Amino acid sequence: MKDIKELHDYIAKHYVNGDYQEAERAYKNWKDTNDYSYHDDVDESDDYTRGYNQAKKDYQEQHTFKHFPGNLINLVNLISKNKALEVTNFIEGYKNYEKEISE
């Protein structure tokens, strides 16, 4: 819960400062188009590789791994018709490196 509170405070601070106005406008423009076709061109292995490399970096620098809410992301994908596949692929790459180290 502490991490969620810190994340909330961080976002609230930047929101009050107006740091997200450009992103908000871009999101509203994107949302109005209802165009989800960009998911078709995503190189899924790229997200997997990023997760794998991040796990490798975490282990080399801290000898620990982060915990990701894989089940929650799977639920989000189920509900949203796979609109969080990039996150799923990242987590898969991350966990595979973690598994390699523990073998």
N, C-alpha and C. Protein backbone atom coordinates (compact mmCIF):
# COMPACT_ATOMS: atom_id res chain seq x y z
N MET A 1 0.82 -1.20 0.00
CA MET A 1 0.00 0.00 0.00
C MET A 1 0.86 1.26 0.00
N LYS A 2 2.02 1.18 0.62
CA LYS A 2 2.89 2.35 0.67
C LYS A 2 3.28 2.79 -0.74
N ASP A 3 3.61 1.81 -1.61
CA ASP A 3 4.01 2.13 -2.97
C ASP A 3 2.87 2.78 -3.75
N ILE A 4 1.65 2.31 -3.53
CA ILE A 4 0.50 2.89 -4.22
C ILE A 4 0.29 4.34 -3.77
N LYS A 5 0.45 4.59 -2.48
CA LYS A 5 0.32 5.96 -1.95
C LYS A 5 1.39 6.86 -2.55
N GLU A 6 2.62 6.36 -2.64
CA GLU A 6 3.70 7.15 -3.24
C GLU A 6 3.42 7.44 -4.71
N LEU A 7 2.93 6.43 -5.43
CA LEU A 7 2.58 6.62 -6.83
C LEU A 7 1.46 7.65 -6.97
N HIS A 8 0.46 7.55 -6.13
CA HIS A 8 -0.64 8.52 -6.15
C HIS A 8 -0.13 9.93 -5.91
N ASP A 9 0.70 10.10 -4.88
CA ASP A 9 1.23 11.42 -4.56
C ASP A 9 2.07 11.98 -5.70
N TYR A 10 2.86 11.13 -6.34
CA TYR A 10 3.69 11.54 -7.46
C TYR A 10 2.82 12.03 -8.62
N ILE A 11 1.81 11.24 -8.96
CA ILE A 11 0.93 11.61 -10.06
C ILE A 11 0.15 12.88 -9.73
N ALA A 12 -0.36 12.97 -8.51
CA ALA A 12 -1.13 14.15 -8.10
C ALA A 12 -0.28 15.41 -8.18
N LYS A 13 0.96 15.32 -7.74
CA LYS A 13 1.86 16.48 -7.77
C LYS A 13 2.06 16.96 -9.22
N HIS A 14 2.33 16.03 -10.12
CA HIS A 14 2.56 16.40 -11.51
C HIS A 14 1.28 16.86 -12.19
N TYR A 15 0.16 16.28 -11.80
CA TYR A 15 -1.12 16.70 -12.38
C TYR A 15 -1.43 18.14 -11.98
N VAL A 16 -1.22 18.47 -10.72
CA VAL A 16 -1.46 19.83 -10.24
C VAL A 16 -0.54 20.81 -10.95
N ASN A 17 0.69 20.40 -11.24
CA ASN A 17 1.64 21.26 -11.95
C ASN A 17 1.31 21.40 -13.43
N GLY A 18 0.33 20.63 -13.92
CA GLY A 18 -0.06 20.72 -15.32
C GLY A 18 0.81 19.92 -16.26
N ASP A 19 1.59 18.98 -15.70
CA ASP A 19 2.52 18.21 -16.52
C ASP A 19 1.84 17.22 -17.46
N TYR A 20 0.56 16.92 -17.23
CA TYR A 20 -0.12 15.91 -18.04
C TYR A 20 -1.11 16.49 -19.04
N GLN A 21 -1.14 17.80 -19.19
CA GLN A 21 -2.13 18.42 -20.08
C GLN A 21 -1.95 17.97 -21.52
N GLU A 22 -0.73 17.90 -22.00
CA GLU A 22 -0.48 17.47 -23.38
C GLU A 22 -0.90 16.02 -23.56
N ALA A 23 -0.56 15.18 -22.60
CA ALA A 23 -0.94 13.76 -22.68
C ALA A 23 -2.45 13.61 -22.63
N GLU A 24 -3.10 14.42 -21.83
CA GLU A 24 -4.56 14.35 -21.74
C GLU A 24 -5.22 14.72 -23.07
N ARG A 25 -4.71 15.76 -23.72
CA ARG A 25 -5.24 16.15 -25.03
C ARG A 25 -5.01 15.04 -26.06
N ALA A 26 -3.82 14.47 -26.04
CA ALA A 26 -3.51 13.40 -26.99
C ALA A 26 -4.42 12.19 -26.74
N TYR A 27 -4.66 11.87 -25.49
CA TYR A 27 -5.53 10.75 -25.16
C TYR A 27 -6.95 11.01 -25.63
N LYS A 28 -7.45 12.21 -25.40
CA LYS A 28 -8.81 12.52 -25.83
C LYS A 28 -8.93 12.42 -27.35
N ASN A 29 -7.93 12.88 -28.08
CA ASN A 29 -7.96 12.77 -29.54
C ASN A 29 -7.93 11.30 -29.97
N TRP A 30 -7.10 10.51 -29.32
CA TRP A 30 -7.01 9.09 -29.65
C TRP A 30 -8.31 8.37 -29.31
N LYS A 31 -8.85 8.67 -28.14
CA LYS A 31 -10.08 8.02 -27.68
C LYS A 31 -11.23 8.30 -28.64
N ASP A 32 -11.30 9.50 -29.16
CA ASP A 32 -12.38 9.87 -30.07
C ASP A 32 -12.30 9.12 -31.39
N THR A 33 -11.12 8.66 -31.76
CA THR A 33 -11.00 7.95 -33.03
C THR A 33 -11.44 6.50 -32.93
N ASN A 34 -11.43 5.93 -31.72
CA ASN A 34 -11.77 4.52 -31.51
C ASN A 34 -10.97 3.60 -32.43
N ASP A 35 -9.76 3.96 -32.70
CA ASP A 35 -8.91 3.18 -33.59
C ASP A 35 -7.91 2.38 -32.77
N TYR A 36 -8.11 1.08 -32.71
CA TYR A 36 -7.22 0.23 -31.94
C TYR A 36 -6.30 -0.58 -32.85
N SER A 37 -6.22 -0.23 -34.10
CA SER A 37 -5.46 -1.02 -35.07
C SER A 37 -3.96 -0.97 -34.81
N TYR A 38 -3.50 0.01 -34.04
CA TYR A 38 -2.07 0.10 -33.80
C TYR A 38 -1.55 -1.15 -33.10
N HIS A 39 -2.41 -1.91 -32.42
CA HIS A 39 -1.96 -3.13 -31.77
C HIS A 39 -1.50 -4.17 -32.77
N ASP A 40 -1.97 -4.07 -34.00
CA ASP A 40 -1.58 -5.05 -35.01
C ASP A 40 -0.12 -4.94 -35.40
N ASP A 41 0.47 -3.72 -35.29
CA ASP A 41 1.85 -3.59 -35.73
C ASP A 41 2.87 -3.71 -34.60
N VAL A 42 2.44 -4.06 -33.41
CA VAL A 42 3.36 -4.14 -32.28
C VAL A 42 4.25 -5.37 -32.42
N ASP A 43 5.54 -5.15 -32.30
CA ASP A 43 6.50 -6.25 -32.30
C ASP A 43 6.54 -6.80 -30.89
N GLU A 44 5.79 -7.88 -30.66
CA GLU A 44 5.65 -8.42 -29.31
C GLU A 44 6.97 -8.89 -28.74
N SER A 45 7.86 -9.38 -29.56
CA SER A 45 9.15 -9.84 -29.06
C SER A 45 9.95 -8.67 -28.49
N ASP A 46 9.70 -7.47 -28.98
CA ASP A 46 10.40 -6.31 -28.47
C ASP A 46 10.05 -6.08 -27.00
N ASP A 47 8.78 -6.19 -26.64
CA ASP A 47 8.37 -6.01 -25.25
C ASP A 47 8.92 -7.15 -24.39
N TYR A 48 8.89 -8.35 -24.92
CA TYR A 48 9.46 -9.51 -24.23
C TYR A 48 10.95 -9.26 -23.94
N THR A 49 11.67 -8.80 -24.97
CA THR A 49 13.10 -8.55 -24.83
C THR A 49 13.36 -7.45 -23.80
N ARG A 50 12.53 -6.44 -23.80
CA ARG A 50 12.69 -5.37 -22.80
C ARG A 50 12.52 -5.92 -21.39
N GLY A 51 11.53 -6.77 -21.20
CA GLY A 51 11.32 -7.37 -19.88
C GLY A 51 12.50 -8.25 -19.48
N TYR A 52 12.96 -9.04 -20.42
CA TYR A 52 14.10 -9.92 -20.18
C TYR A 52 15.34 -9.10 -19.79
N ASN A 53 15.60 -8.05 -20.55
CA ASN A 53 16.76 -7.20 -20.28
C ASN A 53 16.62 -6.45 -18.96
N GLN A 54 15.39 -6.04 -18.62
CA GLN A 54 15.18 -5.34 -17.36
C GLN A 54 15.45 -6.27 -16.18
N ALA A 55 15.00 -7.52 -16.29
CA ALA A 55 15.27 -8.50 -15.22
C ALA A 55 16.77 -8.72 -15.07
N LYS A 56 17.44 -8.82 -16.20
CA LYS A 56 18.90 -9.02 -16.17
C LYS A 56 19.59 -7.85 -15.48
N LYS A 57 19.16 -6.64 -15.82
CA LYS A 57 19.73 -5.44 -15.21
C LYS A 57 19.44 -5.40 -13.71
N ASP A 58 18.20 -5.70 -13.33
CA ASP A 58 17.84 -5.69 -11.91
C ASP A 58 18.70 -6.68 -11.13
N TYR A 59 18.89 -7.86 -11.71
CA TYR A 59 19.67 -8.87 -11.02
C TYR A 59 21.14 -8.47 -10.91
N GLN A 60 21.69 -7.91 -11.99
CA GLN A 60 23.10 -7.52 -11.98
C GLN A 60 23.35 -6.37 -11.00
N GLU A 61 22.40 -5.45 -10.91
CA GLU A 61 22.61 -4.28 -10.06
C GLU A 61 22.21 -4.52 -8.60
N GLN A 62 21.15 -5.30 -8.37
CA GLN A 62 20.61 -5.40 -7.01
C GLN A 62 20.51 -6.84 -6.50
N HIS A 63 20.74 -7.81 -7.34
CA HIS A 63 20.58 -9.23 -7.00
C HIS A 63 19.18 -9.54 -6.50
N THR A 64 18.22 -8.80 -7.00
CA THR A 64 16.81 -9.04 -6.67
C THR A 64 15.97 -8.84 -7.92
N PHE A 65 14.73 -9.29 -7.83
CA PHE A 65 13.79 -9.12 -8.93
C PHE A 65 12.56 -8.40 -8.42
N LYS A 66 11.90 -7.68 -9.31
CA LYS A 66 10.65 -7.01 -8.98
C LYS A 66 9.50 -8.00 -9.11
N HIS A 67 8.43 -7.71 -8.41
CA HIS A 67 7.22 -8.53 -8.52
C HIS A 67 6.22 -7.78 -9.38
N PHE A 68 5.68 -8.44 -10.38
CA PHE A 68 4.67 -7.84 -11.24
C PHE A 68 3.35 -8.58 -11.06
N PRO A 69 2.24 -7.86 -11.05
CA PRO A 69 0.93 -8.48 -10.85
C PRO A 69 0.43 -9.17 -12.12
N GLY A 70 1.03 -10.28 -12.47
CA GLY A 70 0.70 -10.98 -13.71
C GLY A 70 -0.76 -11.36 -13.81
N ASN A 71 -1.34 -11.85 -12.72
CA ASN A 71 -2.75 -12.25 -12.76
C ASN A 71 -3.66 -11.06 -13.01
N LEU A 72 -3.33 -9.93 -12.43
CA LEU A 72 -4.12 -8.72 -12.65
C LEU A 72 -4.03 -8.28 -14.11
N ILE A 73 -2.85 -8.33 -14.68
CA ILE A 73 -2.68 -7.94 -16.08
C ILE A 73 -3.43 -8.91 -16.99
N ASN A 74 -3.43 -10.20 -16.65
CA ASN A 74 -4.19 -11.17 -17.43
C ASN A 74 -5.68 -10.85 -17.39
N LEU A 75 -6.17 -10.44 -16.24
CA LEU A 75 -7.57 -10.04 -16.10
C LEU A 75 -7.86 -8.80 -16.95
N VAL A 76 -6.97 -7.83 -16.92
CA VAL A 76 -7.13 -6.63 -17.73
C VAL A 76 -7.20 -7.01 -19.21
N ASN A 77 -6.34 -7.90 -19.64
CA ASN A 77 -6.35 -8.35 -21.03
C ASN A 77 -7.66 -9.04 -21.38
N LEU A 78 -8.16 -9.84 -20.48
CA LEU A 78 -9.41 -10.54 -20.71
C LEU A 78 -10.56 -9.56 -20.88
N ILE A 79 -10.61 -8.58 -20.01
CA ILE A 79 -11.69 -7.59 -20.03
C ILE A 79 -11.56 -6.64 -21.21
N SER A 80 -10.34 -6.27 -21.54
CA SER A 80 -10.11 -5.24 -22.56
C SER A 80 -9.79 -5.79 -23.95
N LYS A 81 -10.01 -7.04 -24.16
CA LYS A 81 -9.71 -7.68 -25.44
C LYS A 81 -8.24 -7.50 -25.83
N ASN A 82 -7.37 -7.81 -24.89
CA ASN A 82 -5.91 -7.83 -25.09
C ASN A 82 -5.28 -6.48 -25.38
N LYS A 83 -5.76 -5.45 -24.74
CA LYS A 83 -5.17 -4.12 -24.95
C LYS A 83 -3.94 -3.88 -24.07
N ALA A 84 -3.58 -4.87 -23.25
CA ALA A 84 -2.39 -4.74 -22.41
C ALA A 84 -1.38 -5.84 -22.75
N LEU A 85 -1.37 -6.26 -24.00
CA LEU A 85 -0.45 -7.34 -24.39
C LEU A 85 1.02 -6.95 -24.22
N GLU A 86 1.32 -5.67 -24.42
CA GLU A 86 2.70 -5.22 -24.27
C GLU A 86 3.19 -5.50 -22.85
N VAL A 87 2.33 -5.25 -21.88
CA VAL A 87 2.69 -5.46 -20.48
C VAL A 87 2.85 -6.96 -20.22
N THR A 88 1.94 -7.76 -20.74
CA THR A 88 2.02 -9.20 -20.58
C THR A 88 3.34 -9.74 -21.14
N ASN A 89 3.71 -9.28 -22.31
CA ASN A 89 4.95 -9.74 -22.94
C ASN A 89 6.18 -9.31 -22.15
N PHE A 90 6.15 -8.09 -21.63
CA PHE A 90 7.24 -7.60 -20.80
C PHE A 90 7.40 -8.49 -19.56
N ILE A 91 6.28 -8.76 -18.89
CA ILE A 91 6.32 -9.60 -17.68
C ILE A 91 6.82 -11.00 -18.01
N GLU A 92 6.39 -11.54 -19.14
CA GLU A 92 6.83 -12.87 -19.54
C GLU A 92 8.34 -12.91 -19.74
N GLY A 93 8.89 -11.91 -20.41
CA GLY A 93 10.34 -11.85 -20.59
C GLY A 93 11.06 -11.70 -19.27
N TYR A 94 10.51 -10.86 -18.40
CA TYR A 94 11.11 -10.64 -17.09
C TYR A 94 11.16 -11.94 -16.29
N LYS A 95 10.01 -12.62 -16.25
CA LYS A 95 9.93 -13.86 -15.46
C LYS A 95 10.79 -14.97 -16.05
N ASN A 96 10.93 -15.01 -17.37
CA ASN A 96 11.78 -16.04 -17.97
C ASN A 96 13.24 -15.86 -17.62
N TYR A 97 13.71 -14.64 -17.55
CA TYR A 97 15.10 -14.43 -17.12
C TYR A 97 15.23 -14.83 -15.66
N GLU A 98 14.27 -14.45 -14.86
CA GLU A 98 14.30 -14.82 -13.43
C GLU A 98 14.34 -16.34 -13.27
N LYS A 99 13.58 -17.05 -14.08
CA LYS A 99 13.55 -18.51 -14.04
C LYS A 99 14.91 -19.09 -14.45
N GLU A 100 15.53 -18.50 -15.46
CA GLU A 100 16.84 -18.98 -15.92
C GLU A 100 17.89 -18.87 -14.81
N ILE A 101 17.84 -17.80 -14.08
CA ILE A 101 18.82 -17.57 -13.00
C ILE A 101 18.62 -18.57 -11.87
N SER A 102 17.38 -18.91 -11.59
CA SER A 102 17.10 -19.79 -10.45
C SER A 102 17.34 -21.27 -10.77
N GLU A 103 17.54 -21.61 -12.04
CA GLU A 103 17.77 -23.02 -12.42
C GLU A 103 19.18 -23.45 -12.18
